Structures are given as structure tokens and as C-alpha cells.
C-alpha atoms as a PDB file:
ATOM      1  CA  UNK A   1      22.037 -46.665 -17.708  1.00  0.00           C
ATOM      2  CA  UNK A   2      23.202 -43.494 -15.924  1.00  0.00           C
ATOM      3  CA  UNK A   3      21.259 -42.433 -12.841  1.00  0.00           C
ATOM      4  CA  UNK A   4      19.486 -39.117 -13.265  1.00  0.00           C
ATOM      5  CA  UNK A   5      17.395 -37.049 -10.880  1.00  0.00           C
ATOM      6  CA  UNK A   6      13.916 -36.230 -12.154  1.00  0.00           C
ATOM      7  CA  UNK A   7      12.929 -32.709 -11.059  1.00  0.00           C
ATOM      8  CA  UNK A   8       9.412 -31.321 -11.441  1.00  0.00           C
ATOM      9  CA  UNK A   9       8.936 -27.544 -11.617  1.00  0.00           C
ATOM     10  CA  UNK A  10       6.019 -25.278 -12.465  1.00  0.00           C
ATOM     11  CA  UNK A  11       5.658 -25.001 -16.254  1.00  0.00           C
ATOM     12  CA  UNK A  12       4.486 -21.393 -16.078  1.00  0.00           C
ATOM     13  CA  UNK A  13       3.486 -18.815 -13.525  1.00  0.00           C
ATOM     14  CA  UNK A  14       5.082 -17.185 -10.519  1.00  0.00           C
ATOM     15  CA  UNK A  15       7.558 -19.967  -9.612  1.00  0.00           C
ATOM     16  CA  UNK A  16       8.786 -20.920 -13.091  1.00  0.00           C
ATOM     17  CA  UNK A  17      11.271 -18.101 -13.665  1.00  0.00           C
ATOM     18  CA  UNK A  18      12.688 -18.243 -10.127  1.00  0.00           C
ATOM     19  CA  UNK A  19      13.081 -22.031 -10.368  1.00  0.00           C
ATOM     20  CA  UNK A  20      14.973 -21.771 -13.652  1.00  0.00           C
ATOM     21  CA  UNK A  21      17.102 -18.928 -12.276  1.00  0.00           C
ATOM     22  CA  UNK A  22      18.044 -21.006  -9.228  1.00  0.00           C
ATOM     23  CA  UNK A  23      19.132 -23.905 -11.416  1.00  0.00           C
ATOM     24  CA  UNK A  24      21.271 -21.530 -13.479  1.00  0.00           C
ATOM     25  CA  UNK A  25      22.825 -20.039 -10.334  1.00  0.00           C
ATOM     26  CA  UNK A  26      23.628 -23.592  -9.248  1.00  0.00           C
ATOM     27  CA  UNK A  27      25.611 -24.006 -12.476  1.00  0.00           C
ATOM     28  CA  UNK A  28      23.033 -26.333 -14.048  1.00  0.00           C
ATOM     29  CA  UNK A  29      22.402 -25.646 -17.730  1.00  0.00           C
ATOM     30  CA  UNK A  30      18.849 -26.487 -18.849  1.00  0.00           C
ATOM     31  CA  UNK A  31      17.856 -26.004 -22.483  1.00  0.00           C
ATOM     32  CA  UNK A  32      14.100 -25.485 -22.377  1.00  0.00           C
ATOM     33  CA  UNK A  33      12.445 -25.126 -25.767  1.00  0.00           C
ATOM     34  CA  UNK A  34       8.992 -23.636 -26.277  1.00  0.00           C
ATOM     35  CA  UNK A  35       6.203 -25.892 -24.964  1.00  0.00           C
ATOM     36  CA  UNK A  36       8.601 -28.684 -24.051  1.00  0.00           C
ATOM     37  CA  UNK A  37       7.416 -30.866 -21.176  1.00  0.00           C
ATOM     38  CA  UNK A  38      10.866 -32.299 -20.399  1.00  0.00           C
ATOM     39  CA  UNK A  39      14.436 -31.036 -20.710  1.00  0.00           C
ATOM     40  CA  UNK A  40      17.818 -32.509 -19.801  1.00  0.00           C
ATOM     41  CA  UNK A  41      20.713 -30.700 -18.161  1.00  0.00           C
ATOM     42  CA  UNK A  42      23.934 -30.712 -20.144  1.00  0.00           C
ATOM     43  CA  UNK A  43      26.281 -30.609 -17.142  1.00  0.00           C
ATOM     44  CA  UNK A  44      24.486 -32.300 -14.229  1.00  0.00           C
ATOM     45  CA  UNK A  45      22.654 -35.654 -14.022  1.00  0.00           C
ATOM     46  CA  UNK A  46      19.173 -34.172 -13.855  1.00  0.00           C
ATOM     47  CA  UNK A  47      16.143 -33.920 -16.119  1.00  0.00           C
ATOM     48  CA  UNK A  48      13.410 -31.365 -15.578  1.00  0.00           C
ATOM     49  CA  UNK A  49       9.682 -31.957 -16.033  1.00  0.00           C
ATOM     50  CA  UNK A  50       7.468 -28.892 -16.551  1.00  0.00           C
ATOM     51  CA  UNK A  51       4.124 -29.496 -14.842  1.00  0.00           C
ATOM     52  CA  UNK A  52       1.134 -27.747 -13.293  1.00  0.00           C
ATOM     53  CA  UNK A  53       2.087 -26.717  -9.755  1.00  0.00           C
ATOM     54  CA  UNK A  54      -0.965 -28.446  -8.238  1.00  0.00           C
ATOM     55  CA  UNK A  55       0.147 -31.737  -9.791  1.00  0.00           C
ATOM     56  CA  UNK A  56       3.757 -31.687  -8.583  1.00  0.00           C
ATOM     57  CA  UNK A  57       3.214 -33.252  -5.096  1.00  0.00           C
ATOM     58  CA  UNK A  58       1.266 -36.127  -6.673  1.00  0.00           C
ATOM     59  CA  UNK A  59       3.962 -36.771  -9.290  1.00  0.00           C
ATOM     60  CA  UNK A  60       6.641 -36.793  -6.587  1.00  0.00           C
ATOM     61  CA  UNK A  61       4.634 -39.114  -4.336  1.00  0.00           C
ATOM     62  CA  UNK A  62       4.126 -41.498  -7.282  1.00  0.00           C
ATOM     63  CA  UNK A  63       7.882 -41.337  -8.149  1.00  0.00           C
ATOM     64  CA  UNK A  64       7.161 -40.014 -11.631  1.00  0.00           C
ATOM     65  CA  UNK A  65       9.461 -37.244 -10.402  1.00  0.00           C
ATOM     66  CA  UNK A  66      12.049 -37.766  -7.669  1.00  0.00           C
ATOM     67  CA  UNK A  67      12.001 -34.163  -6.429  1.00  0.00           C
ATOM     68  CA  UNK A  68      10.064 -30.981  -7.049  1.00  0.00           C
ATOM     69  CA  UNK A  69      10.144 -27.226  -6.595  1.00  0.00           C
ATOM     70  CA  UNK A  70       6.681 -26.177  -5.379  1.00  0.00           C
ATOM     71  CA  UNK A  71       4.968 -23.744  -3.040  1.00  0.00           C
ATOM     72  CA  UNK A  72       4.478 -24.814   0.576  1.00  0.00           C
ATOM     73  CA  UNK A  73       0.814 -23.892   0.232  1.00  0.00           C
ATOM     74  CA  UNK A  74       0.400 -26.559  -2.469  1.00  0.00           C
ATOM     75  CA  UNK A  75       2.270 -29.180  -0.413  1.00  0.00           C
ATOM     76  CA  UNK A  76       0.093 -28.666   2.669  1.00  0.00           C
ATOM     77  CA  UNK A  77      -3.138 -28.403   0.690  1.00  0.00           C
ATOM     78  CA  UNK A  78      -2.556 -31.616  -1.268  1.00  0.00           C
ATOM     79  CA  UNK A  79      -1.312 -33.586   1.786  1.00  0.00           C
ATOM     80  CA  UNK A  80       0.697 -36.040  -0.307  1.00  0.00           C
ATOM     81  CA  UNK A  81       3.326 -38.387   1.123  1.00  0.00           C
ATOM     82  CA  UNK A  82       6.370 -36.290   0.251  1.00  0.00           C
ATOM     83  CA  UNK A  83       9.181 -34.839   2.345  1.00  0.00           C
ATOM     84  CA  UNK A  84      10.051 -31.133   2.435  1.00  0.00           C
ATOM     85  CA  UNK A  85      13.857 -31.002   2.535  1.00  0.00           C
ATOM     86  CA  UNK A  86      14.741 -27.353   1.828  1.00  0.00           C
ATOM     87  CA  UNK A  87      13.123 -23.922   1.779  1.00  0.00           C
ATOM     88  CA  UNK A  88      14.246 -22.186  -1.415  1.00  0.00           C
ATOM     89  CA  UNK A  89      13.851 -18.532  -0.434  1.00  0.00           C
ATOM     90  CA  UNK A  90      11.669 -17.351  -3.331  1.00  0.00           C
ATOM     91  CA  UNK A  91       7.948 -17.289  -4.098  1.00  0.00           C
ATOM     92  CA  UNK A  92       7.227 -15.870  -0.651  1.00  0.00           C
ATOM     93  CA  UNK A  93       3.605 -15.103   0.166  1.00  0.00           C
ATOM     94  CA  UNK A  94       1.073 -15.782   2.885  1.00  0.00           C
ATOM     95  CA  UNK A  95      -2.271 -17.541   3.028  1.00  0.00           C
ATOM     96  CA  UNK A  96      -4.625 -15.181   4.814  1.00  0.00           C
ATOM     97  CA  UNK A  97      -8.250 -14.618   5.692  1.00  0.00           C
ATOM     98  CA  UNK A  98      -9.790 -11.315   4.623  1.00  0.00           C
ATOM     99  CA  UNK A  99     -13.175  -9.692   5.227  1.00  0.00           C
ATOM    100  CA  UNK A 100     -14.982  -6.577   4.012  1.00  0.00           C
ATOM    101  CA  UNK A 101     -12.980  -3.515   5.038  1.00  0.00           C
ATOM    102  CA  UNK A 102     -16.034  -1.991   6.763  1.00  0.00           C
ATOM    103  CA  UNK A 103     -16.759  -5.105   8.815  1.00  0.00           C
ATOM    104  CA  UNK A 104     -15.932  -5.174  12.516  1.00  0.00           C
ATOM    105  CA  UNK A 105     -13.436  -7.957  13.186  1.00  0.00           C
ATOM    106  CA  UNK A 106     -12.264  -8.674  16.730  1.00  0.00           C
ATOM    107  CA  UNK A 107     -10.561 -12.072  16.497  1.00  0.00           C
ATOM    108  CA  UNK A 108     -10.925 -15.442  14.824  1.00  0.00           C
ATOM    109  CA  UNK A 109     -14.232 -16.037  16.636  1.00  0.00           C
ATOM    110  CA  UNK A 110     -15.709 -13.414  14.284  1.00  0.00           C
ATOM    111  CA  UNK A 111     -15.598 -16.097  11.561  1.00  0.00           C
ATOM    112  CA  UNK A 112     -18.106 -18.340  13.370  1.00  0.00           C
ATOM    113  CA  UNK A 113     -21.041 -19.342  11.151  1.00  0.00           C
ATOM    114  CA  UNK A 114     -19.659 -17.298   8.253  1.00  0.00           C
ATOM    115  CA  UNK A 115     -19.271 -18.501   4.667  1.00  0.00           C
ATOM    116  CA  UNK A 116     -15.608 -18.393   3.575  1.00  0.00           C
ATOM    117  CA  UNK A 117     -14.591 -18.711  -0.071  1.00  0.00           C
ATOM    118  CA  UNK A 118     -11.197 -20.275  -0.789  1.00  0.00           C
ATOM    119  CA  UNK A 119      -9.065 -22.356  -3.126  1.00  0.00           C
ATOM    120  CA  UNK A 120      -7.457 -23.962  -0.063  1.00  0.00           C
ATOM    121  CA  UNK A 121     -10.256 -25.830   1.744  1.00  0.00           C
ATOM    122  CA  UNK A 122      -7.922 -28.340   3.423  1.00  0.00           C
ATOM    123  CA  UNK A 123      -5.579 -25.787   5.026  1.00  0.00           C
ATOM    124  CA  UNK A 124      -8.494 -23.533   5.957  1.00  0.00           C
ATOM    125  CA  UNK A 125     -10.456 -26.452   7.387  1.00  0.00           C
ATOM    126  CA  UNK A 126      -7.519 -27.517   9.556  1.00  0.00           C
ATOM    127  CA  UNK A 127      -7.081 -23.930  10.776  1.00  0.00           C
ATOM    128  CA  UNK A 128     -10.743 -23.528  11.722  1.00  0.00           C
ATOM    129  CA  UNK A 129     -10.810 -26.940  13.400  1.00  0.00           C
ATOM    130  CA  UNK A 130      -7.746 -26.013  15.452  1.00  0.00           C
ATOM    131  CA  UNK A 131      -9.523 -22.831  16.597  1.00  0.00           C
ATOM    132  CA  UNK A 132     -12.819 -24.679  17.278  1.00  0.00           C
ATOM    133  CA  UNK A 133     -14.625 -22.428  14.796  1.00  0.00           C
ATOM    134  CA  UNK A 134     -17.671 -23.663  12.874  1.00  0.00           C
ATOM    135  CA  UNK A 135     -17.868 -22.010   9.461  1.00  0.00           C
ATOM    136  CA  UNK A 136     -18.978 -22.939   5.951  1.00  0.00           C
ATOM    137  CA  UNK A 137     -16.145 -23.385   3.466  1.00  0.00           C
ATOM    138  CA  UNK A 138     -17.069 -22.587  -0.119  1.00  0.00           C
ATOM    139  CA  UNK A 139     -14.420 -23.974  -2.489  1.00  0.00           C
ATOM    140  CA  UNK A 140     -13.814 -21.995  -5.666  1.00  0.00           C
ATOM    141  CA  UNK A 141     -10.855 -21.654  -8.022  1.00  0.00           C
ATOM    142  CA  UNK A 142      -9.634 -18.304  -9.254  1.00  0.00           C
ATOM    143  CA  UNK A 143     -10.861 -14.777  -8.513  1.00  0.00           C
ATOM    144  CA  UNK A 144     -11.539 -15.627  -4.866  1.00  0.00           C
ATOM    145  CA  UNK A 145     -11.311 -11.962  -3.855  1.00  0.00           C
ATOM    146  CA  UNK A 146     -14.551 -11.038  -5.656  1.00  0.00           C
ATOM    147  CA  UNK A 147     -16.652 -13.533  -3.669  1.00  0.00           C
ATOM    148  CA  UNK A 148     -17.753 -11.121  -0.884  1.00  0.00           C
ATOM    149  CA  UNK A 149     -18.594  -8.382  -3.394  1.00  0.00           C
ATOM    150  CA  UNK A 150     -21.017 -10.597  -5.314  1.00  0.00           C
ATOM    151  CA  UNK A 151     -22.624 -12.063  -2.214  1.00  0.00           C
ATOM    152  CA  UNK A 152     -21.039 -15.511  -2.562  1.00  0.00           C
ATOM    153  CA  UNK A 153     -19.245 -15.401   0.803  1.00  0.00           C
ATOM    154  CA  UNK A 154     -18.701 -13.275   3.916  1.00  0.00           C
ATOM    155  CA  UNK A 155     -14.927 -13.735   3.870  1.00  0.00           C
ATOM    156  CA  UNK A 156     -12.144 -15.242   1.774  1.00  0.00           C
ATOM    157  CA  UNK A 157      -8.982 -17.237   2.391  1.00  0.00           C
ATOM    158  CA  UNK A 158      -6.405 -16.668  -0.341  1.00  0.00           C
ATOM    159  CA  UNK A 159      -2.732 -16.089  -1.086  1.00  0.00           C
ATOM    160  CA  UNK A 160      -1.510 -12.561  -0.411  1.00  0.00           C
ATOM    161  CA  UNK A 161       1.722 -10.918  -1.537  1.00  0.00           C
ATOM    162  CA  UNK A 162       1.445  -7.137  -1.337  1.00  0.00           C
ATOM    163  CA  UNK A 163      -2.204  -6.920  -0.328  1.00  0.00           C
ATOM    164  CA  UNK A 164      -3.053  -4.578  -3.223  1.00  0.00           C
ATOM    165  CA  UNK A 165      -5.602  -6.997  -4.720  1.00  0.00           C
ATOM    166  CA  UNK A 166      -7.455  -7.160  -1.409  1.00  0.00           C
ATOM    167  CA  UNK A 167      -7.448  -3.360  -1.168  1.00  0.00           C
ATOM    168  CA  UNK A 168      -8.818  -2.946  -4.690  1.00  0.00           C
ATOM    169  CA  UNK A 169     -11.674  -5.311  -3.842  1.00  0.00           C
ATOM    170  CA  UNK A 170     -12.608  -3.572  -0.615  1.00  0.00           C
ATOM    171  CA  UNK A 171     -11.152  -6.226   1.677  1.00  0.00           C
ATOM    172  CA  UNK A 172      -8.863  -6.174   4.713  1.00  0.00           C
ATOM    173  CA  UNK A 173      -6.513  -8.913   5.882  1.00  0.00           C
ATOM    174  CA  UNK A 174      -7.400 -10.282   9.325  1.00  0.00           C
ATOM    175  CA  UNK A 175      -5.693 -13.644   9.924  1.00  0.00           C
ATOM    176  CA  UNK A 176      -2.519 -15.180   8.491  1.00  0.00           C
ATOM    177  CA  UNK A 177      -2.829 -18.965   8.342  1.00  0.00           C
ATOM    178  CA  UNK A 178       0.424 -19.879   6.595  1.00  0.00           C
ATOM    179  CA  UNK A 179       3.679 -18.162   5.642  1.00  0.00           C
ATOM    180  CA  UNK A 180       4.599 -19.835   2.370  1.00  0.00           C
ATOM    181  CA  UNK A 181       7.558 -19.973  -0.008  1.00  0.00           C
ATOM    182  CA  UNK A 182       8.916 -22.338  -2.627  1.00  0.00           C
ATOM    183  CA  UNK A 183      10.338 -25.551  -1.181  1.00  0.00           C
ATOM    184  CA  UNK A 184      12.200 -28.593  -2.425  1.00  0.00           C
ATOM    185  CA  UNK A 185      10.256 -31.823  -1.876  1.00  0.00           C
ATOM    186  CA  UNK A 186      11.329 -35.403  -2.502  1.00  0.00           C
ATOM    187  CA  UNK A 187       9.855 -38.854  -2.815  1.00  0.00           C
ATOM    188  CA  UNK A 188      10.156 -40.732   0.482  1.00  0.00           C
ATOM    189  CA  UNK A 189      11.557 -43.935  -1.025  1.00  0.00           C
ATOM    190  CA  UNK A 190      14.500 -43.109  -3.237  1.00  0.00           C
ATOM    191  CA  UNK A 191      17.547 -45.330  -3.852  1.00  0.00           C
ATOM    192  CA  UNK A 192      20.914 -44.389  -2.371  1.00  0.00           C
ATOM    193  CA  UNK A 193      22.277 -43.243  -5.741  1.00  0.00           C
ATOM    194  CA  UNK A 194      19.559 -40.619  -6.109  1.00  0.00           C
ATOM    195  CA  UNK A 195      19.880 -39.496  -2.487  1.00  0.00           C
ATOM    196  CA  UNK A 196      23.543 -38.780  -3.201  1.00  0.00           C
ATOM    197  CA  UNK A 197      22.576 -36.682  -6.223  1.00  0.00           C
ATOM    198  CA  UNK A 198      20.082 -34.772  -4.065  1.00  0.00           C
ATOM    199  CA  UNK A 199      22.880 -34.054  -1.568  1.00  0.00           C
ATOM    200  CA  UNK A 200      24.994 -32.642  -4.414  1.00  0.00           C
ATOM    201  CA  UNK A 201      22.106 -30.460  -5.585  1.00  0.00           C
ATOM    202  CA  UNK A 202      21.363 -29.308  -2.012  1.00  0.00           C
ATOM    203  CA  UNK A 203      25.005 -28.328  -1.552  1.00  0.00           C
ATOM    204  CA  UNK A 204      24.748 -26.022  -4.562  1.00  0.00           C
ATOM    205  CA  UNK A 205      21.363 -24.599  -3.549  1.00  0.00           C
ATOM    206  CA  UNK A 206      22.528 -23.857  -0.013  1.00  0.00           C
ATOM    207  CA  UNK A 207      25.691 -22.186  -1.307  1.00  0.00           C
ATOM    208  CA  UNK A 208      23.619 -19.911  -3.553  1.00  0.00           C
ATOM    209  CA  UNK A 209      21.210 -19.079  -0.711  1.00  0.00           C
ATOM    210  CA  UNK A 210      24.040 -18.238   1.696  1.00  0.00           C
ATOM    211  CA  UNK A 211      25.578 -15.937  -0.904  1.00  0.00           C
ATOM    212  CA  UNK A 212      22.309 -14.038  -1.367  1.00  0.00           C
ATOM    213  CA  UNK A 213      21.947 -13.533   2.379  1.00  0.00           C
ATOM    214  CA  UNK A 214      25.470 -12.155   2.843  1.00  0.00           C
ATOM    215  CA  UNK A 215      27.649  -9.303   1.587  1.00  0.00           C
ATOM    216  CA  UNK A 216      31.437  -9.144   1.346  1.00  0.00           C
ATOM    217  CA  UNK A 217      32.837  -5.914   2.776  1.00  0.00           C
ATOM    218  CA  UNK A 218      36.262  -4.296   2.633  1.00  0.00           C
ATOM    219  CA  UNK A 219      37.191  -1.306   4.761  1.00  0.00           C
ATOM    220  CA  UNK A 220      40.156   0.727   5.943  1.00  0.00           C
ATOM    221  CA  UNK A 221      40.676   0.974   9.700  1.00  0.00           C
ATOM    222  CA  UNK A 222      43.080   3.022  11.837  1.00  0.00           C
ATOM    223  CA  UNK A 223      45.220   0.581  13.808  1.00  0.00           C
ATOM    224  CA  UNK A 224      44.337   2.187  17.140  1.00  0.00           C
ATOM    225  CA  UNK A 225      40.670   1.329  16.419  1.00  0.00           C
ATOM    226  CA  UNK A 226      41.356  -2.104  14.927  1.00  0.00           C
ATOM    227  CA  UNK A 227      40.265  -4.198  17.924  1.00  0.00           C
ATOM    228  CA  UNK A 228      37.014  -2.264  18.268  1.00  0.00           C
ATOM    229  CA  UNK A 229      36.226  -2.583  14.556  1.00  0.00           C
ATOM    230  CA  UNK A 230      37.069  -6.298  14.448  1.00  0.00           C
ATOM    231  CA  UNK A 231      34.762  -6.794  17.434  1.00  0.00           C
ATOM    232  CA  UNK A 232      31.862  -5.506  15.347  1.00  0.00           C
ATOM    233  CA  UNK A 233      32.448  -7.994  12.534  1.00  0.00           C
ATOM    234  CA  UNK A 234      31.111 -11.529  12.969  1.00  0.00           C
ATOM    235  CA  UNK A 235      32.305 -12.874   9.597  1.00  0.00           C
ATOM    236  CA  UNK A 236      32.393 -16.580   8.726  1.00  0.00           C
ATOM    237  CA  UNK A 237      35.232 -17.271  11.176  1.00  0.00           C
ATOM    238  CA  UNK A 238      37.166 -14.056  11.765  1.00  0.00           C
ATOM    239  CA  UNK A 239      37.908 -10.999   9.611  1.00  0.00           C
ATOM    240  CA  UNK A 240      40.966 -10.883   7.362  1.00  0.00           C
ATOM    241  CA  UNK A 241      43.342  -8.038   8.324  1.00  0.00           C
ATOM    242  CA  UNK A 242      46.083  -6.794   5.970  1.00  0.00           C
ATOM    243  CA  UNK A 243      48.485  -3.877   6.504  1.00  0.00           C
ATOM    244  CA  UNK A 244      48.111  -0.912   4.164  1.00  0.00           C
ATOM    245  CA  UNK A 245      51.007   0.974   2.562  1.00  0.00           C
ATOM    246  CA  UNK A 246      50.079   3.982   4.688  1.00  0.00           C
ATOM    247  CA  UNK A 247      51.495   3.595   8.174  1.00  0.00           C
ATOM    248  CA  UNK A 248      48.971   3.149  10.966  1.00  0.00           C
ATOM    249  CA  UNK A 249      46.195   1.756   8.771  1.00  0.00           C
ATOM    250  CA  UNK A 250      44.945  -1.743   7.930  1.00  0.00           C
ATOM    251  CA  UNK A 251      42.532  -3.215   5.408  1.00  0.00           C
ATOM    252  CA  UNK A 252      39.810  -5.389   6.947  1.00  0.00           C
ATOM    253  CA  UNK A 253      37.794  -7.937   4.928  1.00  0.00           C
ATOM    254  CA  UNK A 254      34.712  -9.722   6.248  1.00  0.00           C
ATOM    255  CA  UNK A 255      31.215 -11.034   5.485  1.00  0.00           C
ATOM    256  CA  UNK A 256      28.004  -9.551   6.870  1.00  0.00           C
ATOM    257  CA  UNK A 257      24.527 -11.032   6.958  1.00  0.00           C
ATOM    258  CA  UNK A 258      21.946  -9.020   5.014  1.00  0.00           C
ATOM    259  CA  UNK A 259      19.622  -8.803   8.041  1.00  0.00           C
ATOM    260  CA  UNK A 260      22.188  -7.008  10.225  1.00  0.00           C
ATOM    261  CA  UNK A 261      24.127  -5.263   7.467  1.00  0.00           C
ATOM    262  CA  UNK A 262      23.086  -1.610   7.902  1.00  0.00           C
ATOM    263  CA  UNK A 263      23.218  -1.617  11.701  1.00  0.00           C
ATOM    264  CA  UNK A 264      26.807  -2.886  11.663  1.00  0.00           C
ATOM    265  CA  UNK A 265      27.858  -0.531   8.849  1.00  0.00           C
ATOM    266  CA  UNK A 266      26.666   2.424  10.958  1.00  0.00           C
ATOM    267  CA  UNK A 267      28.635   1.154  13.953  1.00  0.00           C
ATOM    268  CA  UNK A 268      31.753   0.666  11.814  1.00  0.00           C
ATOM    269  CA  UNK A 269      31.533   4.243  10.549  1.00  0.00           C
ATOM    270  CA  UNK A 270      31.136   5.517  14.094  1.00  0.00           C
ATOM    271  CA  UNK A 271      34.189   3.489  15.181  1.00  0.00           C
ATOM    272  CA  UNK A 272      36.391   5.146  12.532  1.00  0.00           C
ATOM    273  CA  UNK A 273      36.206   2.796   9.534  1.00  0.00           C
ATOM    274  CA  UNK A 274      36.705   4.489   6.155  1.00  0.00           C
ATOM    275  CA  UNK A 275      36.466   3.560   2.476  1.00  0.00           C
ATOM    276  CA  UNK A 276      33.897   0.831   3.077  1.00  0.00           C
ATOM    277  CA  UNK A 277      33.254  -1.227  -0.069  1.00  0.00           C
ATOM    278  CA  UNK A 278      30.379  -3.683  -0.372  1.00  0.00           C
ATOM    279  CA  UNK A 279      30.577  -6.541  -2.890  1.00  0.00           C
ATOM    280  CA  UNK A 280      27.844  -9.105  -3.729  1.00  0.00           C
ATOM    281  CA  UNK A 281      28.781 -12.754  -3.262  1.00  0.00           C
ATOM    282  CA  UNK A 282      28.008 -15.153  -6.100  1.00  0.00           C
ATOM    283  CA  UNK A 283      28.548 -18.408  -4.169  1.00  0.00           C
ATOM    284  CA  UNK A 284      29.378 -19.031  -0.518  1.00  0.00           C
ATOM    285  CA  UNK A 285      30.915 -22.355   0.557  1.00  0.00           C
ATOM    286  CA  UNK A 286      31.243 -22.896   4.299  1.00  0.00           C
END
């Protein structure tokens, strides 16, 4: 029987589409019919299980699934015996405490003896314990942000993306407990054959992530400014320099990280670079 990786992903919701997109970008073709709970890849030894996100850590711990794509917040809340092996770069949010926007809030000590509503009692409890704060945790599921407005709690602890939901409910964000994103988790006791398949999958995931974080640039540089311009370009190793048909000019090719892209582009322009082209990278193997 052929060895296959069993991957659990969220069956619906905020991480489903990004998880499926990542698999596609990794060159893995999954045919997922409507309401199917399991689907096989046609070109990679992997089968995908579509599950509730809260259940994924348990399924991975129990080896029903070998690996899973799931939010860090779920991993740390469930406290299952699984290993986080890669941050996936999507599903980013934060787990934060919020209070009424008109309430005076100085620091975390302001939470003492308050009632805090949350769907994440474990993470919140660990946070309060670490700060030596005594507070009452009121566990609820769904619509946590309305709890202060109906008198159920003095504060909430919930996932925040843009903060618009808090604003609409008259709340302000005061403490960030956890910066969360989707991660790849695995069972801690997998055979060597499956660990090798995970390494192959990780290689593809990391190549896709590197490509998203970098841009390929091409520019024309006057030869008298070439050394200065090359000095501004970190690249993967060193820039590629090719002579142009026009005397005294060269074409320079390099890769820039998204985080420093605009600062370096401005410096290149100031140094005399012209005709700068920017091209997205589909995959990046280093």
C-alpha cells in the first residue's frame, strides 16, 4: 500500500480558501466535491480531510490526520500534543482584550476583579496568571463582542482583524495576548516515510512563501553608477549584470524583499537607475 500523508484543513470559514489556494500554489491538485469530507490529490501522495477547525489539533494528536493547517490560536487553546513546524503566512489576526470605549484603562491591572467574556479561556487564563491578575473568566462561544453591552461582562477577549467589529460595539482594544496566523502542525510520532513526505511538502510551501515575500526587478543603469547601484541590491547572492546595446549602459537583475522594496527603489532612482520593471515571482527556490 502506498504511503500517503493525511492532511486536515478547515472545512469552511476563514482558513479554508487560503489553505486550498496554498495547496494549489504548491502544485497539488485537490478535487473537492460539494460536502465531501475527504479528497485525494491526483499528483502528490496526500489526502485531505475537511474538518471543524477546533477539532483539527485533536485529530492530529490521535493520528487520524498526520498534519493539519490550523490557526495558532486553536493550537494554543486546545493544548494538544502536536508540533508546530511552519507558519503559513495567512489567516493573520490577534487575540486581544477589549473594554468599553469610555472606560479608563491604564494597564493590565485594570482587569483585576473584572468579568471577562471569551471563547479562549485557556489562553486568557494563562495570560492573567502570568500577570498575577485575578479576574473572572466567562466562557461563551460566538458574538463575544456583545457581552459588555448586555451586562454579561466588563471586558472581552476575542480575535481581532481590523478592529471594526469592536468599534461598532463600542469597544476599544487594550491588550494583545497573541499574534496568530495559520500554521502547519504534525503528529509527534510519525514514521520515517511520512516525515520524508512532510519535508517534500515543506519545501514547496517555503518556496511559495519566499516568492510572495520577494519581487524580481530589472533596471537600466549607467555604467559610471553601476557599483553604487549594485551596492543597494542585496539579491539572493549578487545581482545579474548584462551589457545593453547602448554603450555605457547595463541591465541589472535582482530580487528585493517586500519589506524593504520601496525604500530601495527610491534609492535606486536617486542613484540614476532607469526603466525599473517589477515582476512577481511564482516560486523561489534557494
